[in-house]
Amino acid sequence: MMVGSQIRLAAVTAFCLLTAACASSPDYDYSDRSSGWSSAQSTPDVPLQCVPYARDHSQVKLYGDAADWWQKAAGVYARGEMPELGSVLVLTGYAGPRHSHVAVVTAMVSGREIRVSHANWLNDGAIFIDDPVVDVSPDNDWSQVRVFNERTGAWGVRTYLVQGFIGPGHDNPLVADNS
């Protein structure tokens, strides 16, 4: 009985570590932020997370947890319910209630399908370019999406809640874009 409990505890611990994804890893430190681009890379010890990837490949220059991006963007960047080319998709509840994921919209395919580029979608630091995302919300309002799994060649079975889209512009049109 004791061995079974230890195995279950180990399995739960491993699951939690694997699903932590974008939310629990520290942000990357950049030696030169002046260009707006960085050299954030995956290493064997620290896989590339979604936050530095989205920041490096969009005009949205936020720092910190993916779960905090929506709130941090308020009053700084435009926020909306519909995707725009260059906006950052914010998925909430990605791997639990406090975990989120961010991805950059790279193409508008139709009113119900976009392409995104993002990192660490499968918790291994991999970068996915032009990954299909489809709106599956009952009201066609981009509140729920499914993401294509390039490794299996099929749509993922999980439906993700969308918090919204950040950018690409500023909340105040009078603010100059210096990025």
C-alpha atoms as a PDB file:
ATOM      1  CA  MET A   1       0.000   0.000   0.000  1.00  0.00           C
ATOM      2  CA  MET A   2       2.835   2.421   0.837  1.00  0.00           C
ATOM      3  CA  VAL A   3       4.586   1.777  -2.508  1.00  0.00           C
ATOM      4  CA  GLY A   4       1.372   2.565  -4.419  1.00  0.00           C
ATOM      5  CA  SER A   5       1.041   5.896  -2.606  1.00  0.00           C
ATOM      6  CA  GLN A   6       4.640   6.801  -3.402  1.00  0.00           C
ATOM      7  CA  ILE A   7       4.128   5.955  -7.068  1.00  0.00           C
ATOM      8  CA  ARG A   8       0.971   8.074  -7.219  1.00  0.00           C
ATOM      9  CA  LEU A   9       2.788  10.960  -5.510  1.00  0.00           C
ATOM     10  CA  ALA A  10       5.671  10.684  -7.981  1.00  0.00           C
ATOM     11  CA  ALA A  11       3.226  10.610 -10.908  1.00  0.00           C
ATOM     12  CA  VAL A  12       1.357  13.669  -9.644  1.00  0.00           C
ATOM     13  CA  THR A  13       4.633  15.527  -9.076  1.00  0.00           C
ATOM     14  CA  ALA A  14       5.860  14.677 -12.585  1.00  0.00           C
ATOM     15  CA  PHE A  15       2.525  15.763 -14.085  1.00  0.00           C
ATOM     16  CA  CYS A  16       2.657  19.105 -12.265  1.00  0.00           C
ATOM     17  CA  LEU A  17       6.187  19.779 -13.435  1.00  0.00           C
ATOM     18  CA  LEU A  18       5.340  18.920 -17.032  1.00  0.00           C
ATOM     19  CA  THR A  19       2.188  21.022 -17.140  1.00  0.00           C
ATOM     20  CA  ALA A  20       3.730  24.085 -15.536  1.00  0.00           C
ATOM     21  CA  ALA A  21       4.602  25.300 -19.052  1.00  0.00           C
ATOM     22  CA  CYS A  22       4.791  29.065 -19.451  1.00  0.00           C
ATOM     23  CA  ALA A  23       3.530  30.053 -16.070  1.00  0.00           C
ATOM     24  CA  SER A  24       6.121  28.784 -13.642  1.00  0.00           C
ATOM     25  CA  SER A  25       9.441  29.361 -15.339  1.00  0.00           C
ATOM     26  CA  PRO A  26      11.334  32.560 -14.699  1.00  0.00           C
ATOM     27  CA  ASP A  27      11.510  35.163 -17.401  1.00  0.00           C
ATOM     28  CA  TYR A  28      14.704  35.256 -19.432  1.00  0.00           C
ATOM     29  CA  ASP A  29      17.357  37.844 -18.746  1.00  0.00           C
ATOM     30  CA  TYR A  30      18.553  39.792 -21.761  1.00  0.00           C
ATOM     31  CA  SER A  31      21.880  41.506 -21.944  1.00  0.00           C
ATOM     32  CA  ASP A  32      20.696  43.976 -24.595  1.00  0.00           C
ATOM     33  CA  ARG A  33      17.049  45.036 -24.731  1.00  0.00           C
ATOM     34  CA  SER A  34      17.682  48.140 -26.829  1.00  0.00           C
ATOM     35  CA  SER A  35      16.927  46.510 -30.184  1.00  0.00           C
ATOM     36  CA  GLY A  36      13.531  45.094 -29.163  1.00  0.00           C
ATOM     37  CA  TRP A  37      14.761  41.636 -30.166  1.00  0.00           C
ATOM     38  CA  SER A  38      16.695  39.226 -28.044  1.00  0.00           C
ATOM     39  CA  SER A  39      18.638  36.072 -28.342  1.00  0.00           C
ATOM     40  CA  ALA A  40      16.456  33.973 -26.053  1.00  0.00           C
ATOM     41  CA  GLN A  41      17.205  30.365 -26.852  1.00  0.00           C
ATOM     42  CA  SER A  42      16.379  26.945 -25.516  1.00  0.00           C
ATOM     43  CA  THR A  43      19.119  25.194 -23.624  1.00  0.00           C
ATOM     44  CA  PRO A  44      19.079  21.613 -22.376  1.00  0.00           C
ATOM     45  CA  ASP A  45      18.554  22.897 -18.818  1.00  0.00           C
ATOM     46  CA  VAL A  46      16.067  25.692 -19.548  1.00  0.00           C
ATOM     47  CA  PRO A  47      13.652  25.198 -22.465  1.00  0.00           C
ATOM     48  CA  LEU A  48      12.445  28.310 -24.283  1.00  0.00           C
ATOM     49  CA  GLN A  49       9.115  29.477 -22.879  1.00  0.00           C
ATOM     50  CA  CYS A  50       6.188  31.136 -24.639  1.00  0.00           C
ATOM     51  CA  VAL A  51       6.652  34.567 -22.989  1.00  0.00           C
ATOM     52  CA  PRO A  52      10.097  35.499 -24.331  1.00  0.00           C
ATOM     53  CA  TYR A  53       9.201  34.018 -27.707  1.00  0.00           C
ATOM     54  CA  ALA A  54       5.991  36.085 -27.997  1.00  0.00           C
ATOM     55  CA  ARG A  55       7.761  39.241 -26.833  1.00  0.00           C
ATOM     56  CA  ASP A  56      10.598  38.712 -29.349  1.00  0.00           C
ATOM     57  CA  HIS A  57       8.238  38.090 -32.272  1.00  0.00           C
ATOM     58  CA  SER A  58       5.603  40.751 -31.663  1.00  0.00           C
ATOM     59  CA  GLN A  59       5.295  44.437 -30.844  1.00  0.00           C
ATOM     60  CA  VAL A  60       4.041  43.512 -27.369  1.00  0.00           C
ATOM     61  CA  LYS A  61       6.940  43.971 -24.977  1.00  0.00           C
ATOM     62  CA  LEU A  62       5.568  42.660 -21.693  1.00  0.00           C
ATOM     63  CA  TYR A  63       7.497  40.725 -19.057  1.00  0.00           C
ATOM     64  CA  GLY A  64       6.500  38.225 -16.402  1.00  0.00           C
ATOM     65  CA  ASP A  65       4.137  35.304 -16.337  1.00  0.00           C
ATOM     66  CA  ALA A  66       1.888  34.578 -19.324  1.00  0.00           C
ATOM     67  CA  ALA A  67      -1.007  34.517 -16.834  1.00  0.00           C
ATOM     68  CA  ASP A  68      -0.379  38.206 -16.072  1.00  0.00           C
ATOM     69  CA  TRP A  69      -0.065  39.515 -19.637  1.00  0.00           C
ATOM     70  CA  TRP A  70      -3.740  40.359 -20.145  1.00  0.00           C
ATOM     71  CA  GLN A  71      -3.856  42.544 -17.043  1.00  0.00           C
ATOM     72  CA  LYS A  72      -0.416  44.071 -17.702  1.00  0.00           C
ATOM     73  CA  ALA A  73      -1.523  45.068 -21.213  1.00  0.00           C
ATOM     74  CA  ALA A  74      -4.484  47.092 -19.902  1.00  0.00           C
ATOM     75  CA  GLY A  75      -4.021  50.760 -20.726  1.00  0.00           C
ATOM     76  CA  VAL A  76      -0.753  50.048 -22.553  1.00  0.00           C
ATOM     77  CA  TYR A  77      -1.596  47.890 -25.570  1.00  0.00           C
ATOM     78  CA  ALA A  78      -4.806  47.484 -27.520  1.00  0.00           C
ATOM     79  CA  ARG A  79      -6.805  44.500 -26.261  1.00  0.00           C
ATOM     80  CA  GLY A  80      -9.629  42.811 -28.089  1.00  0.00           C
ATOM     81  CA  GLU A  81     -11.729  39.727 -28.596  1.00  0.00           C
ATOM     82  CA  MET A  82     -10.855  39.214 -32.256  1.00  0.00           C
ATOM     83  CA  PRO A  83      -7.483  38.235 -33.721  1.00  0.00           C
ATOM     84  CA  GLU A  84      -5.414  40.659 -35.774  1.00  0.00           C
ATOM     85  CA  LEU A  85      -2.215  40.015 -37.638  1.00  0.00           C
ATOM     86  CA  GLY A  86       0.640  40.563 -35.182  1.00  0.00           C
ATOM     87  CA  SER A  87      -1.537  40.373 -32.080  1.00  0.00           C
ATOM     88  CA  VAL A  88      -0.727  38.062 -29.180  1.00  0.00           C
ATOM     89  CA  LEU A  89      -3.256  35.344 -28.401  1.00  0.00           C
ATOM     90  CA  VAL A  90      -3.662  34.785 -24.648  1.00  0.00           C
ATOM     91  CA  LEU A  91      -4.984  31.371 -23.637  1.00  0.00           C
ATOM     92  CA  THR A  92      -6.139  31.092 -20.040  1.00  0.00           C
ATOM     93  CA  GLY A  93      -6.349  27.904 -18.003  1.00  0.00           C
ATOM     94  CA  TYR A  94      -3.767  26.368 -20.320  1.00  0.00           C
ATOM     95  CA  ALA A  95      -2.519  23.759 -17.853  1.00  0.00           C
ATOM     96  CA  GLY A  96      -4.593  24.565 -14.808  1.00  0.00           C
ATOM     97  CA  PRO A  97      -6.401  27.634 -13.469  1.00  0.00           C
ATOM     98  CA  ARG A  98      -3.307  29.828 -13.011  1.00  0.00           C
ATOM     99  CA  HIS A  99      -1.438  28.797 -16.147  1.00  0.00           C
ATOM    100  CA  SER A 100      -1.666  30.671 -19.416  1.00  0.00           C
ATOM    101  CA  HIS A 101       0.001  30.545 -22.810  1.00  0.00           C
ATOM    102  CA  VAL A 102       0.793  33.283 -25.317  1.00  0.00           C
ATOM    103  CA  ALA A 103       1.304  32.981 -29.074  1.00  0.00           C
ATOM    104  CA  VAL A 104       1.778  35.478 -31.917  1.00  0.00           C
ATOM    105  CA  VAL A 105      -0.837  35.625 -34.705  1.00  0.00           C
ATOM    106  CA  THR A 106       1.100  35.211 -37.973  1.00  0.00           C
ATOM    107  CA  ALA A 107      -1.721  34.753 -40.500  1.00  0.00           C
ATOM    108  CA  MET A 108      -5.456  35.257 -40.857  1.00  0.00           C
ATOM    109  CA  VAL A 109      -6.808  32.250 -42.770  1.00  0.00           C
ATOM    110  CA  SER A 110     -10.550  32.874 -42.361  1.00  0.00           C
ATOM    111  CA  GLY A 111     -13.026  34.257 -39.854  1.00  0.00           C
ATOM    112  CA  ARG A 112     -12.650  31.023 -37.895  1.00  0.00           C
ATOM    113  CA  GLU A 113      -8.993  30.103 -38.449  1.00  0.00           C
ATOM    114  CA  ILE A 114      -5.655  31.757 -37.798  1.00  0.00           C
ATOM    115  CA  ARG A 115      -2.009  30.727 -37.702  1.00  0.00           C
ATOM    116  CA  VAL A 116       0.199  31.355 -34.682  1.00  0.00           C
ATOM    117  CA  SER A 117       3.855  30.969 -33.862  1.00  0.00           C
ATOM    118  CA  HIS A 118       4.749  30.027 -30.299  1.00  0.00           C
ATOM    119  CA  ALA A 119       7.214  28.215 -28.068  1.00  0.00           C
ATOM    120  CA  ASN A 120       6.869  25.448 -25.512  1.00  0.00           C
ATOM    121  CA  TRP A 121       3.360  24.403 -26.543  1.00  0.00           C
ATOM    122  CA  LEU A 122       4.168  20.766 -25.773  1.00  0.00           C
ATOM    123  CA  ASN A 123       6.325  21.606 -22.728  1.00  0.00           C
ATOM    124  CA  ASP A 124       9.627  20.819 -24.407  1.00  0.00           C
ATOM    125  CA  GLY A 125      10.829  24.261 -25.516  1.00  0.00           C
ATOM    126  CA  ALA A 126      10.082  23.539 -29.185  1.00  0.00           C
ATOM    127  CA  ILE A 127       9.067  26.407 -31.449  1.00  0.00           C
ATOM    128  CA  PHE A 128       6.026  25.978 -33.681  1.00  0.00           C
ATOM    129  CA  ILE A 129       5.728  28.286 -36.691  1.00  0.00           C
ATOM    130  CA  ASP A 130       2.366  29.035 -38.352  1.00  0.00           C
ATOM    131  CA  ASP A 131       0.530  26.510 -36.186  1.00  0.00           C
ATOM    132  CA  PRO A 132      -3.196  26.386 -37.110  1.00  0.00           C
ATOM    133  CA  VAL A 133      -5.715  27.542 -34.491  1.00  0.00           C
ATOM    134  CA  VAL A 134      -9.469  27.317 -35.054  1.00  0.00           C
ATOM    135  CA  ASP A 135     -12.299  29.150 -33.304  1.00  0.00           C
ATOM    136  CA  VAL A 136     -14.685  26.529 -31.899  1.00  0.00           C
ATOM    137  CA  SER A 137     -16.777  28.881 -29.765  1.00  0.00           C
ATOM    138  CA  PRO A 138     -20.545  28.429 -30.153  1.00  0.00           C
ATOM    139  CA  ASP A 139     -21.027  32.159 -30.882  1.00  0.00           C
ATOM    140  CA  ASN A 140     -18.076  32.491 -33.316  1.00  0.00           C
ATOM    141  CA  ASP A 141     -16.478  34.978 -30.912  1.00  0.00           C
ATOM    142  CA  TRP A 142     -12.985  33.500 -30.455  1.00  0.00           C
ATOM    143  CA  SER A 143     -13.635  32.672 -26.790  1.00  0.00           C
ATOM    144  CA  GLN A 144     -12.716  28.991 -27.317  1.00  0.00           C
ATOM    145  CA  VAL A 145     -10.128  27.497 -29.648  1.00  0.00           C
ATOM    146  CA  ARG A 146      -8.450  24.271 -30.646  1.00  0.00           C
ATOM    147  CA  VAL A 147      -4.816  24.058 -31.692  1.00  0.00           C
ATOM    148  CA  PHE A 148      -3.426  21.779 -34.402  1.00  0.00           C
ATOM    149  CA  ASN A 149      -0.834  19.314 -33.161  1.00  0.00           C
ATOM    150  CA  GLU A 150       1.896  19.223 -35.795  1.00  0.00           C
ATOM    151  CA  ARG A 151       3.464  16.129 -34.251  1.00  0.00           C
ATOM    152  CA  THR A 152       0.328  14.002 -34.548  1.00  0.00           C
ATOM    153  CA  GLY A 153      -0.959  15.692 -37.692  1.00  0.00           C
ATOM    154  CA  ALA A 154      -4.396  16.207 -36.127  1.00  0.00           C
ATOM    155  CA  TRP A 155      -6.401  18.809 -34.244  1.00  0.00           C
ATOM    156  CA  GLY A 156      -5.892  18.659 -30.503  1.00  0.00           C
ATOM    157  CA  VAL A 157      -8.803  17.247 -28.549  1.00  0.00           C
ATOM    158  CA  ARG A 158      -8.734  19.897 -25.838  1.00  0.00           C
ATOM    159  CA  THR A 159     -10.629  23.173 -26.152  1.00  0.00           C
ATOM    160  CA  TYR A 160      -8.793  26.174 -24.696  1.00  0.00           C
ATOM    161  CA  LEU A 161     -10.357  29.336 -23.303  1.00  0.00           C
ATOM    162  CA  VAL A 162      -9.183  32.573 -24.889  1.00  0.00           C
ATOM    163  CA  GLN A 163      -8.689  35.571 -22.644  1.00  0.00           C
ATOM    164  CA  GLY A 164      -8.253  37.774 -25.690  1.00  0.00           C
ATOM    165  CA  PHE A 165      -5.768  39.259 -28.131  1.00  0.00           C
ATOM    166  CA  ILE A 166      -3.171  41.889 -27.209  1.00  0.00           C
ATOM    167  CA  GLY A 167      -1.938  44.470 -29.719  1.00  0.00           C
ATOM    168  CA  PRO A 168      -0.459  44.918 -32.124  1.00  0.00           C
ATOM    169  CA  GLY A 169      -0.917  48.617 -31.365  1.00  0.00           C
ATOM    170  CA  HIS A 170      -1.062  50.716 -28.232  1.00  0.00           C
ATOM    171  CA  ASP A 171      -4.208  51.325 -26.205  1.00  0.00           C
ATOM    172  CA  ASN A 172      -3.826  55.058 -26.772  1.00  0.00           C
ATOM    173  CA  PRO A 173      -3.429  55.848 -30.511  1.00  0.00           C
ATOM    174  CA  LEU A 174      -1.537  59.011 -29.568  1.00  0.00           C
ATOM    175  CA  VAL A 175       1.312  56.968 -28.025  1.00  0.00           C
ATOM    176  CA  ALA A 176       4.172  56.522 -30.495  1.00  0.00           C
ATOM    177  CA  ASP A 177       5.308  52.982 -31.192  1.00  0.00           C
ATOM    178  CA  ASN A 178       9.024  52.861 -30.437  1.00  0.00           C
ATOM    179  CA  SER A 179       9.468  49.152 -30.926  1.00  0.00           C
END
